[in-house]
C-alpha atoms as a PDB file:
ATOM      1  CA  UNK A   1       6.824  43.769 -49.831  1.00  0.00           C
ATOM      2  CA  UNK A   2      10.538  44.276 -49.481  1.00  0.00           C
ATOM      3  CA  UNK A   3      13.556  42.143 -50.433  1.00  0.00           C
ATOM      4  CA  UNK A   4      16.304  41.145 -47.993  1.00  0.00           C
ATOM      5  CA  UNK A   5      19.482  41.353 -50.049  1.00  0.00           C
ATOM      6  CA  UNK A   6      22.010  40.636 -47.268  1.00  0.00           C
ATOM      7  CA  UNK A   7      22.365  36.840 -46.927  1.00  0.00           C
ATOM      8  CA  UNK A   8      23.232  37.061 -43.174  1.00  0.00           C
ATOM      9  CA  UNK A   9      20.146  39.163 -42.499  1.00  0.00           C
ATOM     10  CA  UNK A  10      18.083  36.698 -44.493  1.00  0.00           C
ATOM     11  CA  UNK A  11      19.358  33.778 -42.393  1.00  0.00           C
ATOM     12  CA  UNK A  12      18.556  35.596 -39.142  1.00  0.00           C
ATOM     13  CA  UNK A  13      15.070  36.425 -40.404  1.00  0.00           C
ATOM     14  CA  UNK A  14      14.407  32.754 -41.259  1.00  0.00           C
ATOM     15  CA  UNK A  15      15.601  31.556 -37.813  1.00  0.00           C
ATOM     16  CA  UNK A  16      13.438  34.095 -35.967  1.00  0.00           C
ATOM     17  CA  UNK A  17      10.414  33.086 -38.025  1.00  0.00           C
ATOM     18  CA  UNK A  18      11.062  29.387 -37.338  1.00  0.00           C
ATOM     19  CA  UNK A  19      11.447  29.912 -33.570  1.00  0.00           C
ATOM     20  CA  UNK A  20       8.237  31.930 -33.445  1.00  0.00           C
ATOM     21  CA  UNK A  21       6.418  29.181 -35.307  1.00  0.00           C
ATOM     22  CA  UNK A  22       7.683  26.423 -32.949  1.00  0.00           C
ATOM     23  CA  UNK A  23       6.878  28.478 -29.853  1.00  0.00           C
ATOM     24  CA  UNK A  24       3.338  28.916 -31.019  1.00  0.00           C
ATOM     25  CA  UNK A  25       2.938  25.138 -31.212  1.00  0.00           C
ATOM     26  CA  UNK A  26       4.055  24.388 -27.625  1.00  0.00           C
ATOM     27  CA  UNK A  27       1.286  23.266 -25.231  1.00  0.00           C
ATOM     28  CA  UNK A  28       1.332  23.580 -21.471  1.00  0.00           C
ATOM     29  CA  UNK A  29      -0.512  20.288 -20.979  1.00  0.00           C
ATOM     30  CA  UNK A  30       1.760  17.560 -19.609  1.00  0.00           C
ATOM     31  CA  UNK A  31      -0.145  14.492 -20.809  1.00  0.00           C
ATOM     32  CA  UNK A  32      -1.260  14.799 -24.382  1.00  0.00           C
ATOM     33  CA  UNK A  33      -1.483  11.641 -26.453  1.00  0.00           C
ATOM     34  CA  UNK A  34      -1.791  11.448 -30.237  1.00  0.00           C
ATOM     35  CA  UNK A  35      -4.468   9.057 -31.423  1.00  0.00           C
ATOM     36  CA  UNK A  36      -4.689   7.920 -35.023  1.00  0.00           C
ATOM     37  CA  UNK A  37      -8.034   8.520 -36.690  1.00  0.00           C
ATOM     38  CA  UNK A  38      -9.239   8.125 -40.270  1.00  0.00           C
ATOM     39  CA  UNK A  39      -8.621  11.808 -40.831  1.00  0.00           C
ATOM     40  CA  UNK A  40      -5.139  11.806 -39.262  1.00  0.00           C
ATOM     41  CA  UNK A  41      -3.871  12.268 -35.678  1.00  0.00           C
ATOM     42  CA  UNK A  42      -6.051  13.683 -32.934  1.00  0.00           C
ATOM     43  CA  UNK A  43      -4.620  14.952 -29.665  1.00  0.00           C
ATOM     44  CA  UNK A  44      -6.429  14.091 -26.407  1.00  0.00           C
ATOM     45  CA  UNK A  45      -5.743  14.688 -22.722  1.00  0.00           C
ATOM     46  CA  UNK A  46      -5.221  11.555 -20.610  1.00  0.00           C
ATOM     47  CA  UNK A  47      -6.001  12.348 -16.951  1.00  0.00           C
ATOM     48  CA  UNK A  48      -4.536   9.087 -15.620  1.00  0.00           C
ATOM     49  CA  UNK A  49      -1.144   9.791 -17.195  1.00  0.00           C
ATOM     50  CA  UNK A  50      -1.240  13.402 -16.076  1.00  0.00           C
ATOM     51  CA  UNK A  51      -2.095  12.368 -12.518  1.00  0.00           C
ATOM     52  CA  UNK A  52       0.710   9.809 -12.441  1.00  0.00           C
ATOM     53  CA  UNK A  53       3.272  12.372 -13.579  1.00  0.00           C
ATOM     54  CA  UNK A  54       2.068  14.914 -11.036  1.00  0.00           C
ATOM     55  CA  UNK A  55       2.246  12.314  -8.268  1.00  0.00           C
ATOM     56  CA  UNK A  56       5.781  11.294  -9.270  1.00  0.00           C
ATOM     57  CA  UNK A  57       6.822  14.940  -9.142  1.00  0.00           C
ATOM     58  CA  UNK A  58       5.186  15.307  -5.737  1.00  0.00           C
ATOM     59  CA  UNK A  59       7.131  12.321  -4.388  1.00  0.00           C
ATOM     60  CA  UNK A  60      10.394  13.848  -5.587  1.00  0.00           C
ATOM     61  CA  UNK A  61       9.522  17.129  -3.897  1.00  0.00           C
ATOM     62  CA  UNK A  62       8.553  15.314  -0.688  1.00  0.00           C
ATOM     63  CA  UNK A  63      11.862  13.475  -0.680  1.00  0.00           C
ATOM     64  CA  UNK A  64      13.651  16.819  -0.922  1.00  0.00           C
ATOM     65  CA  UNK A  65      11.406  18.515   1.668  1.00  0.00           C
ATOM     66  CA  UNK A  66       9.951  20.941  -0.864  1.00  0.00           C
ATOM     67  CA  UNK A  67       6.508  20.836   0.653  1.00  0.00           C
ATOM     68  CA  UNK A  68       4.823  23.666  -1.256  1.00  0.00           C
ATOM     69  CA  UNK A  69       5.717  22.172  -4.635  1.00  0.00           C
ATOM     70  CA  UNK A  70       4.710  18.710  -3.438  1.00  0.00           C
ATOM     71  CA  UNK A  71       1.276  19.916  -2.396  1.00  0.00           C
ATOM     72  CA  UNK A  72       0.711  21.821  -5.642  1.00  0.00           C
ATOM     73  CA  UNK A  73       1.408  18.687  -7.680  1.00  0.00           C
ATOM     74  CA  UNK A  74      -0.695  16.472  -5.432  1.00  0.00           C
ATOM     75  CA  UNK A  75      -3.624  18.871  -5.743  1.00  0.00           C
ATOM     76  CA  UNK A  76      -3.345  18.696  -9.528  1.00  0.00           C
ATOM     77  CA  UNK A  77      -3.052  14.906  -9.431  1.00  0.00           C
ATOM     78  CA  UNK A  78      -6.162  14.665  -7.262  1.00  0.00           C
ATOM     79  CA  UNK A  79      -7.970  17.053  -9.589  1.00  0.00           C
ATOM     80  CA  UNK A  80      -7.224  14.698 -12.490  1.00  0.00           C
ATOM     81  CA  UNK A  81      -8.044  11.514 -10.552  1.00  0.00           C
ATOM     82  CA  UNK A  82     -10.044  12.224  -7.353  1.00  0.00           C
ATOM     83  CA  UNK A  83     -10.830   8.525  -6.844  1.00  0.00           C
ATOM     84  CA  UNK A  84      -7.230   7.299  -6.945  1.00  0.00           C
ATOM     85  CA  UNK A  85      -6.372   5.371  -3.779  1.00  0.00           C
ATOM     86  CA  UNK A  86      -2.655   5.844  -4.409  1.00  0.00           C
ATOM     87  CA  UNK A  87      -2.870   9.633  -4.754  1.00  0.00           C
ATOM     88  CA  UNK A  88      -4.950   9.832  -1.578  1.00  0.00           C
ATOM     89  CA  UNK A  89      -2.336   7.697   0.199  1.00  0.00           C
ATOM     90  CA  UNK A  90       0.499   9.973  -0.919  1.00  0.00           C
ATOM     91  CA  UNK A  91      -1.524  13.012   0.155  1.00  0.00           C
ATOM     92  CA  UNK A  92      -1.912  11.359   3.572  1.00  0.00           C
ATOM     93  CA  UNK A  93       1.861  11.021   3.773  1.00  0.00           C
ATOM     94  CA  UNK A  94       2.245  14.695   2.823  1.00  0.00           C
ATOM     95  CA  UNK A  95      -0.028  15.767   5.693  1.00  0.00           C
ATOM     96  CA  UNK A  96       1.816  13.380   7.986  1.00  0.00           C
ATOM     97  CA  UNK A  97       5.095  15.110   7.127  1.00  0.00           C
ATOM     98  CA  UNK A  98       3.694  18.604   7.698  1.00  0.00           C
ATOM     99  CA  UNK A  99       2.359  17.510  11.107  1.00  0.00           C
ATOM    100  CA  UNK A 100      -1.343  17.591  10.297  1.00  0.00           C
ATOM    101  CA  UNK A 101      -2.346  14.182  11.735  1.00  0.00           C
ATOM    102  CA  UNK A 102      -6.113  14.683  11.559  1.00  0.00           C
ATOM    103  CA  UNK A 103      -6.016  15.495   7.852  1.00  0.00           C
ATOM    104  CA  UNK A 104      -3.489  12.713   7.228  1.00  0.00           C
ATOM    105  CA  UNK A 105      -5.798  10.168   8.839  1.00  0.00           C
ATOM    106  CA  UNK A 106      -8.703  11.420   6.760  1.00  0.00           C
ATOM    107  CA  UNK A 107      -6.731  10.733   3.574  1.00  0.00           C
ATOM    108  CA  UNK A 108      -5.547   7.313   4.797  1.00  0.00           C
ATOM    109  CA  UNK A 109      -9.148   6.298   5.470  1.00  0.00           C
ATOM    110  CA  UNK A 110     -10.262   7.658   2.084  1.00  0.00           C
ATOM    111  CA  UNK A 111      -7.501   5.661   0.365  1.00  0.00           C
ATOM    112  CA  UNK A 112      -8.590   2.460   2.108  1.00  0.00           C
ATOM    113  CA  UNK A 113     -12.238   3.072   1.207  1.00  0.00           C
ATOM    114  CA  UNK A 114     -11.252   3.480  -2.444  1.00  0.00           C
ATOM    115  CA  UNK A 115      -9.117   0.315  -2.470  1.00  0.00           C
ATOM    116  CA  UNK A 116      -9.664  -2.004   0.526  1.00  0.00           C
ATOM    117  CA  UNK A 117      -7.120  -4.498  -0.856  1.00  0.00           C
ATOM    118  CA  UNK A 118      -4.105  -2.172  -1.044  1.00  0.00           C
ATOM    119  CA  UNK A 119      -1.540  -3.554   1.405  1.00  0.00           C
ATOM    120  CA  UNK A 120       0.715  -0.521   1.067  1.00  0.00           C
ATOM    121  CA  UNK A 121      -1.963   1.777   2.459  1.00  0.00           C
ATOM    122  CA  UNK A 122      -2.622  -0.466   5.467  1.00  0.00           C
ATOM    123  CA  UNK A 123       1.121  -0.673   6.125  1.00  0.00           C
ATOM    124  CA  UNK A 124       1.644   3.099   5.887  1.00  0.00           C
ATOM    125  CA  UNK A 125      -1.419   3.807   7.986  1.00  0.00           C
ATOM    126  CA  UNK A 126      -0.153   1.342  10.577  1.00  0.00           C
ATOM    127  CA  UNK A 127       3.189   3.135  10.791  1.00  0.00           C
ATOM    128  CA  UNK A 128       1.364   6.460  11.167  1.00  0.00           C
ATOM    129  CA  UNK A 129      -0.770   5.089  14.002  1.00  0.00           C
ATOM    130  CA  UNK A 130       2.255   3.584  15.749  1.00  0.00           C
ATOM    131  CA  UNK A 131       4.043   6.954  15.712  1.00  0.00           C
ATOM    132  CA  UNK A 132       0.943   8.401  17.392  1.00  0.00           C
ATOM    133  CA  UNK A 133       1.090   5.710  20.093  1.00  0.00           C
ATOM    134  CA  UNK A 134      -2.085   3.970  18.901  1.00  0.00           C
ATOM    135  CA  UNK A 135      -0.503   0.541  19.037  1.00  0.00           C
ATOM    136  CA  UNK A 136      -3.575  -1.710  18.827  1.00  0.00           C
ATOM    137  CA  UNK A 137      -4.945   0.163  15.806  1.00  0.00           C
ATOM    138  CA  UNK A 138      -1.491   0.065  14.215  1.00  0.00           C
ATOM    139  CA  UNK A 139      -1.231  -3.704  14.680  1.00  0.00           C
ATOM    140  CA  UNK A 140      -4.690  -4.168  13.182  1.00  0.00           C
ATOM    141  CA  UNK A 141      -3.622  -2.337  10.027  1.00  0.00           C
ATOM    142  CA  UNK A 142      -0.314  -4.212   9.782  1.00  0.00           C
ATOM    143  CA  UNK A 143      -2.221  -7.493   9.930  1.00  0.00           C
ATOM    144  CA  UNK A 144      -4.658  -6.239   7.282  1.00  0.00           C
ATOM    145  CA  UNK A 145      -1.712  -5.465   4.997  1.00  0.00           C
ATOM    146  CA  UNK A 146      -0.265  -8.958   5.508  1.00  0.00           C
ATOM    147  CA  UNK A 147      -3.675 -10.488   4.825  1.00  0.00           C
ATOM    148  CA  UNK A 148      -3.785  -9.117   1.248  1.00  0.00           C
ATOM    149  CA  UNK A 149      -2.743 -11.965  -1.039  1.00  0.00           C
ATOM    150  CA  UNK A 150      -1.307  -9.669  -3.722  1.00  0.00           C
ATOM    151  CA  UNK A 151       0.787  -7.636  -1.256  1.00  0.00           C
ATOM    152  CA  UNK A 152       4.535  -8.007  -1.795  1.00  0.00           C
ATOM    153  CA  UNK A 153       5.803  -6.081   1.234  1.00  0.00           C
ATOM    154  CA  UNK A 154       4.944  -8.709   3.840  1.00  0.00           C
ATOM    155  CA  UNK A 155       8.467  -8.885   5.320  1.00  0.00           C
ATOM    156  CA  UNK A 156       8.622  -5.103   5.753  1.00  0.00           C
ATOM    157  CA  UNK A 157       5.209  -5.047   7.402  1.00  0.00           C
ATOM    158  CA  UNK A 158       6.166  -7.801   9.845  1.00  0.00           C
ATOM    159  CA  UNK A 159       9.277  -5.770  10.675  1.00  0.00           C
ATOM    160  CA  UNK A 160       7.135  -2.650  11.220  1.00  0.00           C
ATOM    161  CA  UNK A 161       4.803  -4.663  13.436  1.00  0.00           C
ATOM    162  CA  UNK A 162       7.815  -5.851  15.446  1.00  0.00           C
ATOM    163  CA  UNK A 163       9.150  -2.334  15.850  1.00  0.00           C
ATOM    164  CA  UNK A 164       5.730  -1.123  16.971  1.00  0.00           C
ATOM    165  CA  UNK A 165       5.307  -3.994  19.432  1.00  0.00           C
ATOM    166  CA  UNK A 166       8.754  -3.244  20.866  1.00  0.00           C
ATOM    167  CA  UNK A 167       7.828   0.431  21.187  1.00  0.00           C
ATOM    168  CA  UNK A 168       4.647  -0.613  22.988  1.00  0.00           C
ATOM    169  CA  UNK A 169       6.714  -2.705  25.412  1.00  0.00           C
ATOM    170  CA  UNK A 170       5.341  -6.065  24.232  1.00  0.00           C
ATOM    171  CA  UNK A 171       8.550  -8.093  23.858  1.00  0.00           C
ATOM    172  CA  UNK A 172       6.807 -11.384  23.085  1.00  0.00           C
ATOM    173  CA  UNK A 173       4.934  -9.905  20.126  1.00  0.00           C
ATOM    174  CA  UNK A 174       8.082  -8.153  18.929  1.00  0.00           C
ATOM    175  CA  UNK A 175       9.968 -11.474  18.916  1.00  0.00           C
ATOM    176  CA  UNK A 176       7.081 -13.109  17.077  1.00  0.00           C
ATOM    177  CA  UNK A 177       6.865 -10.445  14.364  1.00  0.00           C
ATOM    178  CA  UNK A 178      10.629 -10.104  13.862  1.00  0.00           C
ATOM    179  CA  UNK A 179      10.819 -13.868  13.451  1.00  0.00           C
ATOM    180  CA  UNK A 180       8.220 -13.794  10.697  1.00  0.00           C
ATOM    181  CA  UNK A 181       9.966 -10.866   8.999  1.00  0.00           C
ATOM    182  CA  UNK A 182      13.128 -12.981   8.823  1.00  0.00           C
ATOM    183  CA  UNK A 183      11.158 -15.956   7.508  1.00  0.00           C
ATOM    184  CA  UNK A 184       9.792 -13.899   4.631  1.00  0.00           C
ATOM    185  CA  UNK A 185      13.125 -12.190   3.949  1.00  0.00           C
ATOM    186  CA  UNK A 186      16.254 -13.960   5.311  1.00  0.00           C
ATOM    187  CA  UNK A 187      18.340 -11.032   4.021  1.00  0.00           C
ATOM    188  CA  UNK A 188      17.017  -8.954   6.915  1.00  0.00           C
ATOM    189  CA  UNK A 189      19.767 -10.522   9.035  1.00  0.00           C
ATOM    190  CA  UNK A 190      20.121  -7.297  11.053  1.00  0.00           C
ATOM    191  CA  UNK A 191      16.862  -8.263  12.777  1.00  0.00           C
ATOM    192  CA  UNK A 192      18.808 -11.006  14.522  1.00  0.00           C
ATOM    193  CA  UNK A 193      20.331  -8.275  16.678  1.00  0.00           C
ATOM    194  CA  UNK A 194      16.903  -7.031  17.725  1.00  0.00           C
ATOM    195  CA  UNK A 195      15.878 -10.609  18.444  1.00  0.00           C
ATOM    196  CA  UNK A 196      19.067 -11.254  20.419  1.00  0.00           C
ATOM    197  CA  UNK A 197      18.454  -8.160  22.554  1.00  0.00           C
ATOM    198  CA  UNK A 198      14.869  -9.167  23.286  1.00  0.00           C
ATOM    199  CA  UNK A 199      15.747 -12.799  23.972  1.00  0.00           C
ATOM    200  CA  UNK A 200      18.473 -11.765  26.410  1.00  0.00           C
ATOM    201  CA  UNK A 201      15.944  -9.512  28.140  1.00  0.00           C
ATOM    202  CA  UNK A 202      13.570 -12.495  28.348  1.00  0.00           C
ATOM    203  CA  UNK A 203      16.407 -14.805  29.511  1.00  0.00           C
ATOM    204  CA  UNK A 204      15.987 -16.934  26.390  1.00  0.00           C
ATOM    205  CA  UNK A 205      19.754 -17.385  26.163  1.00  0.00           C
ATOM    206  CA  UNK A 206      19.803 -20.308  23.710  1.00  0.00           C
ATOM    207  CA  UNK A 207      17.600 -18.359  21.294  1.00  0.00           C
ATOM    208  CA  UNK A 208      19.776 -15.251  21.710  1.00  0.00           C
ATOM    209  CA  UNK A 209      22.920 -17.279  21.007  1.00  0.00           C
ATOM    210  CA  UNK A 210      21.316 -18.661  17.835  1.00  0.00           C
ATOM    211  CA  UNK A 211      20.314 -15.131  16.759  1.00  0.00           C
ATOM    212  CA  UNK A 212      23.881 -13.877  17.155  1.00  0.00           C
ATOM    213  CA  UNK A 213      25.287 -16.919  15.366  1.00  0.00           C
ATOM    214  CA  UNK A 214      22.892 -16.316  12.446  1.00  0.00           C
ATOM    215  CA  UNK A 215      23.930 -12.670  12.318  1.00  0.00           C
ATOM    216  CA  UNK A 216      27.668 -13.505  12.274  1.00  0.00           C
ATOM    217  CA  UNK A 217      27.196 -15.923   9.355  1.00  0.00           C
ATOM    218  CA  UNK A 218      26.219 -13.047   7.052  1.00  0.00           C
ATOM    219  CA  UNK A 219      27.779  -9.966   8.629  1.00  0.00           C
ATOM    220  CA  UNK A 220      30.987  -8.638  10.093  1.00  0.00           C
ATOM    221  CA  UNK A 221      31.137  -7.681  13.750  1.00  0.00           C
ATOM    222  CA  UNK A 222      29.402  -4.412  14.529  1.00  0.00           C
ATOM    223  CA  UNK A 223      29.240  -2.342  17.687  1.00  0.00           C
ATOM    224  CA  UNK A 224      25.716  -3.633  18.313  1.00  0.00           C
ATOM    225  CA  UNK A 225      26.528  -7.316  17.697  1.00  0.00           C
ATOM    226  CA  UNK A 226      29.509  -7.104  20.060  1.00  0.00           C
ATOM    227  CA  UNK A 227      27.363  -5.345  22.628  1.00  0.00           C
ATOM    228  CA  UNK A 228      24.755  -8.116  22.575  1.00  0.00           C
ATOM    229  CA  UNK A 229      27.541 -10.716  22.827  1.00  0.00           C
ATOM    230  CA  UNK A 230      28.829  -8.887  25.907  1.00  0.00           C
ATOM    231  CA  UNK A 231      25.348  -8.841  27.425  1.00  0.00           C
ATOM    232  CA  UNK A 232      24.870 -12.544  26.678  1.00  0.00           C
ATOM    233  CA  UNK A 233      28.305 -13.435  28.069  1.00  0.00           C
ATOM    234  CA  UNK A 234      27.557 -11.572  31.279  1.00  0.00           C
ATOM    235  CA  UNK A 235      24.105 -13.140  31.624  1.00  0.00           C
ATOM    236  CA  UNK A 236      25.509 -16.648  31.127  1.00  0.00           C
ATOM    237  CA  UNK A 237      28.544 -15.959  33.379  1.00  0.00           C
ATOM    238  CA  UNK A 238      31.131 -16.476  30.633  1.00  0.00           C
ATOM    239  CA  UNK A 239      33.742 -13.995  31.810  1.00  0.00           C
ATOM    240  CA  UNK A 240      36.410 -14.956  29.250  1.00  0.00           C
ATOM    241  CA  UNK A 241      33.996 -14.316  26.379  1.00  0.00           C
ATOM    242  CA  UNK A 242      32.867 -11.056  27.939  1.00  0.00           C
ATOM    243  CA  UNK A 243      36.455  -9.790  28.131  1.00  0.00           C
ATOM    244  CA  UNK A 244      37.167 -10.928  24.568  1.00  0.00           C
ATOM    245  CA  UNK A 245      34.160  -9.151  23.057  1.00  0.00           C
ATOM    246  CA  UNK A 246      34.682  -6.075  25.231  1.00  0.00           C
ATOM    247  CA  UNK A 247      38.285  -5.786  24.046  1.00  0.00           C
ATOM    248  CA  UNK A 248      37.144  -5.966  20.403  1.00  0.00           C
ATOM    249  CA  UNK A 249      34.385  -3.403  21.002  1.00  0.00           C
ATOM    250  CA  UNK A 250      36.797  -0.923  22.587  1.00  0.00           C
ATOM    251  CA  UNK A 251      39.417  -1.560  19.906  1.00  0.00           C
ATOM    252  CA  UNK A 252      37.192  -1.439  16.793  1.00  0.00           C
ATOM    253  CA  UNK A 253      34.426   0.938  17.910  1.00  0.00           C
ATOM    254  CA  UNK A 254      35.938   3.116  20.668  1.00  0.00           C
ATOM    255  CA  UNK A 255      33.593   6.081  20.086  1.00  0.00           C
ATOM    256  CA  UNK A 256      30.371   4.095  19.785  1.00  0.00           C
ATOM    257  CA  UNK A 257      27.504   4.385  22.232  1.00  0.00           C
ATOM    258  CA  UNK A 258      27.933   0.691  22.938  1.00  0.00           C
ATOM    259  CA  UNK A 259      31.539   1.275  24.038  1.00  0.00           C
ATOM    260  CA  UNK A 260      30.342   4.028  26.364  1.00  0.00           C
ATOM    261  CA  UNK A 261      27.667   1.699  27.710  1.00  0.00           C
ATOM    262  CA  UNK A 262      30.292  -0.965  28.387  1.00  0.00           C
ATOM    263  CA  UNK A 263      32.547   1.463  30.260  1.00  0.00           C
ATOM    264  CA  UNK A 264      29.515   2.450  32.346  1.00  0.00           C
ATOM    265  CA  UNK A 265      28.778  -1.274  32.971  1.00  0.00           C
ATOM    266  CA  UNK A 266      25.287  -1.009  31.508  1.00  0.00           C
ATOM    267  CA  UNK A 267      25.508  -4.616  30.345  1.00  0.00           C
ATOM    268  CA  UNK A 268      24.567  -5.665  33.877  1.00  0.00           C
ATOM    269  CA  UNK A 269      20.971  -4.447  33.369  1.00  0.00           C
ATOM    270  CA  UNK A 270      18.304  -4.794  30.666  1.00  0.00           C
END
């Protein structure tokens, strides 16, 4: 045993000892809960909390395109909770992003089998199928999502169904689904522009005019709204209106694609 006479050296010795003690108490486990027992506190690992944290990390990594880190965290999350429908759904999205559609579909189907009432999974699976051009299967899953009574994303799913129907070339279904999306969420006023475009294509001019009126009540003029007004004015032979809206388009949005389309007289076709 030796004595430390220098007070500065003594202070340094105490700090080093304290740091070493704290370091020895640190655990690498992310989800440790302290439970009170008759003999004191007992630490226990909670796999559900650990899985949730790993999944949240994975979502952050996916958002930032850090795919390796995302996968590592998803693998851990699935290790903690292999029967979690949500984790399987997120893993499906991961494989979708890395262009592994077969594996992505496998995880979507597994997620649905684990929780057949999860509207989010049906909606996401529907979007995946639509991207792959499997329009009928996509619509089936969108409708399954809407069917779930506890599902809160009905308006978004109707919008997705409309987008998919439009991509498939079914204008009537697109109009139908966009209309329902607006019914469930009137704040999606931008959908009035999609409806106006489709109704002009279908020569439903009164409906298109109402769509554009509804849009203007909540929004300022945009390049797209002016473009649809030009198309409608041409279709209904209102030359004065056409010139008015064209002048505003060229003045306010001179570099827009819609302005280029006007100069190329594309408003005369669909």
